[in-house]
Amino acid sequence: MAWISAASIGILTLFRPHGRANAYAAAWRILNDACNRYALDPAYPVNGLLDAAAKGEEFIQASDPTG
């Protein structure tokens, strides 16, 4: 039973699900902020949305354990 627990902890540590979850949350906050600005500020450019999406993707990619 103890080896199952140790293996489970090892797998969870290896794949760092909390790190990926944090990266997705950070990406969502960045894009959500840009969406709100775009919706509320007529002067906010569409490129601001695209830049926010790209920055969010960078956060997610950085948390990917395979790459």
PDB file of N, CA and C in Angstrom:
ATOM      1  N   MET A   1       0.822  -1.193   0.000  1.00  0.00           N
ATOM      2  CA  MET A   1       0.000   0.000   0.000  1.00  0.00           C
ATOM      3  C   MET A   1       0.867   1.259   0.000  1.00  0.00           C
ATOM      4  N   ALA A   2       1.956   1.236   0.733  1.00  0.00           N
ATOM      5  CA  ALA A   2       2.823   2.407   0.810  1.00  0.00           C
ATOM      6  C   ALA A   2       3.469   2.706  -0.538  1.00  0.00           C
ATOM      7  N   TRP A   3       3.794   1.672  -1.304  1.00  0.00           N
ATOM      8  CA  TRP A   3       4.431   1.907  -2.603  1.00  0.00           C
ATOM      9  C   TRP A   3       3.451   2.538  -3.581  1.00  0.00           C
ATOM     10  N   ILE A   4       2.161   2.242  -3.455  1.00  0.00           N
ATOM     11  CA  ILE A   4       1.154   2.888  -4.310  1.00  0.00           C
ATOM     12  C   ILE A   4       1.094   4.380  -3.988  1.00  0.00           C
ATOM     13  N   SER A   5       1.134   4.688  -2.714  1.00  0.00           N
ATOM     14  CA  SER A   5       1.119   6.089  -2.296  1.00  0.00           C
ATOM     15  C   SER A   5       2.359   6.820  -2.798  1.00  0.00           C
ATOM     16  N   ALA A   6       3.510   6.180  -2.648  1.00  0.00           N
ATOM     17  CA  ALA A   6       4.756   6.799  -3.105  1.00  0.00           C
ATOM     18  C   ALA A   6       4.754   6.996  -4.618  1.00  0.00           C
ATOM     19  N   ALA A   7       4.257   6.016  -5.351  1.00  0.00           N
ATOM     20  CA  ALA A   7       4.193   6.134  -6.809  1.00  0.00           C
ATOM     21  C   ALA A   7       3.230   7.244  -7.214  1.00  0.00           C
ATOM     22  N   SER A   8       2.125   7.350  -6.540  1.00  0.00           N
ATOM     23  CA  SER A   8       1.142   8.396  -6.857  1.00  0.00           C
ATOM     24  C   SER A   8       1.720   9.781  -6.610  1.00  0.00           C
ATOM     25  N   ILE A   9       2.401   9.944  -5.499  1.00  0.00           N
ATOM     26  CA  ILE A   9       3.024  11.233  -5.199  1.00  0.00           C
ATOM     27  C   ILE A   9       4.091  11.557  -6.233  1.00  0.00           C
ATOM     28  N   GLY A  10       4.859  10.553  -6.628  1.00  0.00           N
ATOM     29  CA  GLY A  10       5.877  10.758  -7.649  1.00  0.00           C
ATOM     30  C   GLY A  10       5.291  11.192  -8.970  1.00  0.00           C
ATOM     31  N   ILE A  11       4.207  10.556  -9.364  1.00  0.00           N
ATOM     32  CA  ILE A  11       3.551  10.912 -10.630  1.00  0.00           C
ATOM     33  C   ILE A  11       2.983  12.324 -10.561  1.00  0.00           C
ATOM     34  N   LEU A  12       2.327  12.646  -9.460  1.00  0.00           N
ATOM     35  CA  LEU A  12       1.765  13.992  -9.315  1.00  0.00           C
ATOM     36  C   LEU A  12       2.853  15.054  -9.317  1.00  0.00           C
ATOM     37  N   THR A  13       3.956  14.750  -8.676  1.00  0.00           N
ATOM     38  CA  THR A  13       5.068  15.698  -8.660  1.00  0.00           C
ATOM     39  C   THR A  13       5.679  15.838 -10.039  1.00  0.00           C
ATOM     40  N   LEU A  14       5.786  14.735 -10.755  1.00  0.00           N
ATOM     41  CA  LEU A  14       6.375  14.747 -12.088  1.00  0.00           C
ATOM     42  C   LEU A  14       5.582  15.628 -13.038  1.00  0.00           C
ATOM     43  N   PHE A  15       4.295  15.482 -13.038  1.00  0.00           N
ATOM     44  CA  PHE A  15       3.471  16.208 -14.004  1.00  0.00           C
ATOM     45  C   PHE A  15       3.026  17.576 -13.522  1.00  0.00           C
ATOM     46  N   ARG A  16       3.307  17.918 -12.273  1.00  0.00           N
ATOM     47  CA  ARG A  16       3.020  19.235 -11.707  1.00  0.00           C
ATOM     48  C   ARG A  16       1.651  19.798 -12.100  1.00  0.00           C
ATOM     49  N   PRO A  17       0.586  19.132 -11.742  1.00  0.00           N
ATOM     50  CA  PRO A  17      -0.727  19.646 -12.148  1.00  0.00           C
ATOM     51  C   PRO A  17      -1.035  21.022 -11.577  1.00  0.00           C
ATOM     52  N   HIS A  18      -0.522  21.317 -10.393  1.00  0.00           N
ATOM     53  CA  HIS A  18      -0.791  22.637  -9.809  1.00  0.00           C
ATOM     54  C   HIS A  18      -0.112  23.738 -10.619  1.00  0.00           C
ATOM     55  N   GLY A  19       1.053  23.462 -11.153  1.00  0.00           N
ATOM     56  CA  GLY A  19       1.743  24.453 -11.988  1.00  0.00           C
ATOM     57  C   GLY A  19       0.991  24.736 -13.268  1.00  0.00           C
ATOM     58  N   ARG A  20       0.474  23.665 -13.881  1.00  0.00           N
ATOM     59  CA  ARG A  20      -0.305  23.849 -15.110  1.00  0.00           C
ATOM     60  C   ARG A  20      -1.610  24.574 -14.810  1.00  0.00           C
ATOM     61  N   ALA A  21      -2.231  24.228 -13.708  1.00  0.00           N
ATOM     62  CA  ALA A  21      -3.481  24.903 -13.336  1.00  0.00           C
ATOM     63  C   ALA A  21      -3.231  26.389 -13.105  1.00  0.00           C
ATOM     64  N   ASN A  22      -2.143  26.715 -12.437  1.00  0.00           N
ATOM     65  CA  ASN A  22      -1.803  28.124 -12.206  1.00  0.00           C
ATOM     66  C   ASN A  22      -1.545  28.844 -13.523  1.00  0.00           C
ATOM     67  N   ALA A  23      -0.887  28.169 -14.458  1.00  0.00           N
ATOM     68  CA  ALA A  23      -0.596  28.786 -15.752  1.00  0.00           C
ATOM     69  C   ALA A  23      -1.885  29.048 -16.528  1.00  0.00           C
ATOM     70  N   TYR A  24      -2.816  28.088 -16.501  1.00  0.00           N
ATOM     71  CA  TYR A  24      -4.095  28.297 -17.186  1.00  0.00           C
ATOM     72  C   TYR A  24      -4.870  29.442 -16.541  1.00  0.00           C
ATOM     73  N   ALA A  25      -4.831  29.514 -15.214  1.00  0.00           N
ATOM     74  CA  ALA A  25      -5.532  30.609 -14.525  1.00  0.00           C
ATOM     75  C   ALA A  25      -4.910  31.953 -14.871  1.00  0.00           C
ATOM     76  N   ALA A  26      -3.590  32.015 -14.924  1.00  0.00           N
ATOM     77  CA  ALA A  26      -2.912  33.261 -15.283  1.00  0.00           C
ATOM     78  C   ALA A  26      -3.233  33.657 -16.722  1.00  0.00           C
ATOM     79  N   ALA A  27      -3.243  32.673 -17.617  1.00  0.00           N
ATOM     80  CA  ALA A  27      -3.567  32.947 -19.016  1.00  0.00           C
ATOM     81  C   ALA A  27      -5.004  33.463 -19.135  1.00  0.00           C
ATOM     82  N   TRP A  28      -5.911  32.853 -18.388  1.00  0.00           N
ATOM     83  CA  TRP A  28      -7.302  33.294 -18.433  1.00  0.00           C
ATOM     84  C   TRP A  28      -7.432  34.724 -17.922  1.00  0.00           C
ATOM     85  N   ARG A  29      -6.724  35.056 -16.831  1.00  0.00           N
ATOM     86  CA  ARG A  29      -6.802  36.417 -16.289  1.00  0.00           C
ATOM     87  C   ARG A  29      -6.292  37.443 -17.289  1.00  0.00           C
ATOM     88  N   ILE A  30      -5.203  37.125 -17.969  1.00  0.00           N
ATOM     89  CA  ILE A  30      -4.641  38.041 -18.968  1.00  0.00           C
ATOM     90  C   ILE A  30      -5.627  38.269 -20.103  1.00  0.00           C
ATOM     91  N   LEU A  31      -6.173  37.181 -20.631  1.00  0.00           N
ATOM     92  CA  LEU A  31      -7.106  37.312 -21.752  1.00  0.00           C
ATOM     93  C   LEU A  31      -8.420  37.942 -21.309  1.00  0.00           C
ATOM     94  N   ASN A  32      -8.899  37.599 -20.132  1.00  0.00           N
ATOM     95  CA  ASN A  32     -10.135  38.192 -19.632  1.00  0.00           C
ATOM     96  C   ASN A  32      -9.995  39.698 -19.455  1.00  0.00           C
ATOM     97  N   ASP A  33      -8.864  40.122 -18.932  1.00  0.00           N
ATOM     98  CA  ASP A  33      -8.613  41.558 -18.772  1.00  0.00           C
ATOM     99  C   ASP A  33      -8.628  42.258 -20.134  1.00  0.00           C
ATOM    100  N   ALA A  34      -7.973  41.664 -21.118  1.00  0.00           N
ATOM    101  CA  ALA A  34      -7.947  42.257 -22.461  1.00  0.00           C
ATOM    102  C   ALA A  34      -9.342  42.291 -23.072  1.00  0.00           C
ATOM    103  N   CYS A  35     -10.116  41.231 -22.861  1.00  0.00           N
ATOM    104  CA  CYS A  35     -11.495  41.203 -23.388  1.00  0.00           C
ATOM    105  C   CYS A  35     -12.343  42.304 -22.756  1.00  0.00           C
ATOM    106  N   ASN A  36     -12.202  42.472 -21.454  1.00  0.00           N
ATOM    107  CA  ASN A  36     -12.954  43.530 -20.767  1.00  0.00           C
ATOM    108  C   ASN A  36     -12.544  44.912 -21.266  1.00  0.00           C
ATOM    109  N   ARG A  37     -11.257  45.115 -21.424  1.00  0.00           N
ATOM    110  CA  ARG A  37     -10.796  46.411 -21.936  1.00  0.00           C
ATOM    111  C   ARG A  37     -11.335  46.659 -23.342  1.00  0.00           C
ATOM    112  N   TYR A  38     -11.309  45.630 -24.165  1.00  0.00           N
ATOM    113  CA  TYR A  38     -11.793  45.766 -25.538  1.00  0.00           C
ATOM    114  C   TYR A  38     -13.293  46.087 -25.555  1.00  0.00           C
ATOM    115  N   ALA A  39     -14.034  45.440 -24.675  1.00  0.00           N
ATOM    116  CA  ALA A  39     -15.480  45.656 -24.629  1.00  0.00           C
ATOM    117  C   ALA A  39     -15.841  47.034 -24.075  1.00  0.00           C
ATOM    118  N   LEU A  40     -15.046  47.546 -23.149  1.00  0.00           N
ATOM    119  CA  LEU A  40     -15.404  48.788 -22.472  1.00  0.00           C
ATOM    120  C   LEU A  40     -14.703  50.026 -23.011  1.00  0.00           C
ATOM    121  N   ASP A  41     -13.590  49.851 -23.686  1.00  0.00           N
ATOM    122  CA  ASP A  41     -12.810  50.987 -24.177  1.00  0.00           C
ATOM    123  C   ASP A  41     -12.773  50.966 -25.697  1.00  0.00           C
ATOM    124  N   PRO A  42     -13.493  51.863 -26.349  1.00  0.00           N
ATOM    125  CA  PRO A  42     -13.517  51.863 -27.813  1.00  0.00           C
ATOM    126  C   PRO A  42     -12.132  52.101 -28.441  1.00  0.00           C
ATOM    127  N   ALA A  43     -11.214  52.670 -27.682  1.00  0.00           N
ATOM    128  CA  ALA A  43      -9.878  52.939 -28.215  1.00  0.00           C
ATOM    129  C   ALA A  43      -8.934  51.742 -28.075  1.00  0.00           C
ATOM    130  N   TYR A  44      -9.368  50.709 -27.353  1.00  0.00           N
ATOM    131  CA  TYR A  44      -8.505  49.537 -27.153  1.00  0.00           C
ATOM    132  C   TYR A  44      -8.421  48.755 -28.467  1.00  0.00           C
ATOM    133  N   PRO A  45      -7.210  48.507 -28.954  1.00  0.00           N
ATOM    134  CA  PRO A  45      -7.072  47.877 -30.271  1.00  0.00           C
ATOM    135  C   PRO A  45      -7.286  46.361 -30.246  1.00  0.00           C
ATOM    136  N   VAL A  46      -7.679  45.827 -31.377  1.00  0.00           N
ATOM    137  CA  VAL A  46      -7.839  44.380 -31.519  1.00  0.00           C
ATOM    138  C   VAL A  46      -6.495  43.689 -31.283  1.00  0.00           C
ATOM    139  N   ASN A  47      -5.422  44.347 -31.672  1.00  0.00           N
ATOM    140  CA  ASN A  47      -4.098  43.757 -31.449  1.00  0.00           C
ATOM    141  C   ASN A  47      -3.827  43.530 -29.961  1.00  0.00           C
ATOM    142  N   GLY A  48      -4.468  44.283 -29.107  1.00  0.00           N
ATOM    143  CA  GLY A  48      -4.332  44.060 -27.668  1.00  0.00           C
ATOM    144  C   GLY A  48      -4.881  42.697 -27.275  1.00  0.00           C
ATOM    145  N   LEU A  49      -5.996  42.307 -27.903  1.00  0.00           N
ATOM    146  CA  LEU A  49      -6.558  40.972 -27.654  1.00  0.00           C
ATOM    147  C   LEU A  49      -5.625  39.888 -28.165  1.00  0.00           C
ATOM    148  N   LEU A  50      -5.100  40.091 -29.351  1.00  0.00           N
ATOM    149  CA  LEU A  50      -4.196  39.094 -29.929  1.00  0.00           C
ATOM    150  C   LEU A  50      -2.919  38.963 -29.104  1.00  0.00           C
ATOM    151  N   ASP A  51      -2.395  40.080 -28.638  1.00  0.00           N
ATOM    152  CA  ASP A  51      -1.198  40.041 -27.800  1.00  0.00           C
ATOM    153  C   ASP A  51      -1.469  39.327 -26.472  1.00  0.00           C
ATOM    154  N   ALA A  52      -2.645  39.573 -25.902  1.00  0.00           N
ATOM    155  CA  ALA A  52      -3.007  38.919 -24.647  1.00  0.00           C
ATOM    156  C   ALA A  52      -3.143  37.412 -24.839  1.00  0.00           C
ATOM    157  N   ALA A  53      -3.736  37.006 -25.948  1.00  0.00           N
ATOM    158  CA  ALA A  53      -3.863  35.569 -26.239  1.00  0.00           C
ATOM    159  C   ALA A  53      -2.483  34.931 -26.404  1.00  0.00           C
ATOM    160  N   ALA A  54      -1.596  35.610 -27.088  1.00  0.00           N
ATOM    161  CA  ALA A  54      -0.241  35.082 -27.286  1.00  0.00           C
ATOM    162  C   ALA A  54       0.507  34.993 -25.957  1.00  0.00           C
ATOM    163  N   LYS A  55       0.359  36.000 -25.112  1.00  0.00           N
ATOM    164  CA  LYS A  55       1.027  35.988 -23.816  1.00  0.00           C
ATOM    165  C   LYS A  55       0.479  34.857 -22.947  1.00  0.00           C
ATOM    166  N   GLY A  56      -0.832  34.644 -22.990  1.00  0.00           N
ATOM    167  CA  GLY A  56      -1.438  33.542 -22.242  1.00  0.00           C
ATOM    168  C   GLY A  56      -0.931  32.196 -22.727  1.00  0.00           C
ATOM    169  N   GLU A  57      -0.800  32.051 -24.033  1.00  0.00           N
ATOM    170  CA  GLU A  57      -0.260  30.803 -24.589  1.00  0.00           C
ATOM    171  C   GLU A  57       1.171  30.580 -24.120  1.00  0.00           C
ATOM    172  N   GLU A  58       1.944  31.638 -23.989  1.00  0.00           N
ATOM    173  CA  GLU A  58       3.315  31.507 -23.494  1.00  0.00           C
ATOM    174  C   GLU A  58       3.327  30.990 -22.051  1.00  0.00           C
ATOM    175  N   PHE A  59       2.408  31.481 -21.229  1.00  0.00           N
ATOM    176  CA  PHE A  59       2.308  31.004 -19.845  1.00  0.00           C
ATOM    177  C   PHE A  59       2.005  29.510 -19.828  1.00  0.00           C
ATOM    178  N   ILE A  60       1.047  29.112 -20.645  1.00  0.00           N
ATOM    179  CA  ILE A  60       0.644  27.701 -20.681  1.00  0.00           C
ATOM    180  C   ILE A  60       1.785  26.836 -21.212  1.00  0.00           C
ATOM    181  N   GLN A  61       2.428  27.283 -22.275  1.00  0.00           N
ATOM    182  CA  GLN A  61       3.524  26.517 -22.867  1.00  0.00           C
ATOM    183  C   GLN A  61       4.679  26.361 -21.871  1.00  0.00           C
ATOM    184  N   ALA A  62       4.954  27.392 -21.108  1.00  0.00           N
ATOM    185  CA  ALA A  62       6.044  27.333 -20.132  1.00  0.00           C
ATOM    186  C   ALA A  62       5.758  26.313 -19.033  1.00  0.00           C
ATOM    187  N   SER A  63       4.492  26.012 -18.792  1.00  0.00           N
ATOM    188  CA  SER A  63       4.139  25.057 -17.735  1.00  0.00           C
ATOM    189  C   SER A  63       4.057  23.624 -18.253  1.00  0.00           C
ATOM    190  N   ASP A  64       4.236  23.422 -19.543  1.00  0.00           N
ATOM    191  CA  ASP A  64       4.119  22.096 -20.152  1.00  0.00           C
ATOM    192  C   ASP A  64       5.316  21.233 -19.748  1.00  0.00           C
ATOM    193  N   PRO A  65       5.073  20.118 -19.055  1.00  0.00           N
ATOM    194  CA  PRO A  65       6.189  19.296 -18.605  1.00  0.00           C
ATOM    195  C   PRO A  65       6.908  18.559 -19.734  1.00  0.00           C
ATOM    196  N   THR A  66       6.313  18.479 -20.896  1.00  0.00           N
ATOM    197  CA  THR A  66       6.944  17.758 -22.009  1.00  0.00           C
ATOM    198  C   THR A  66       7.795  18.666 -22.875  1.00  0.00           C
ATOM    199  N   GLY A  67       7.694  19.947 -22.681  1.00  0.00           N
ATOM    200  CA  GLY A  67       8.436  20.793 -23.594  1.00  0.00           C
ATOM    201  C   GLY A  67       8.997  21.979 -22.976  1.00  0.00           C
TER     202      GLY A  67
END
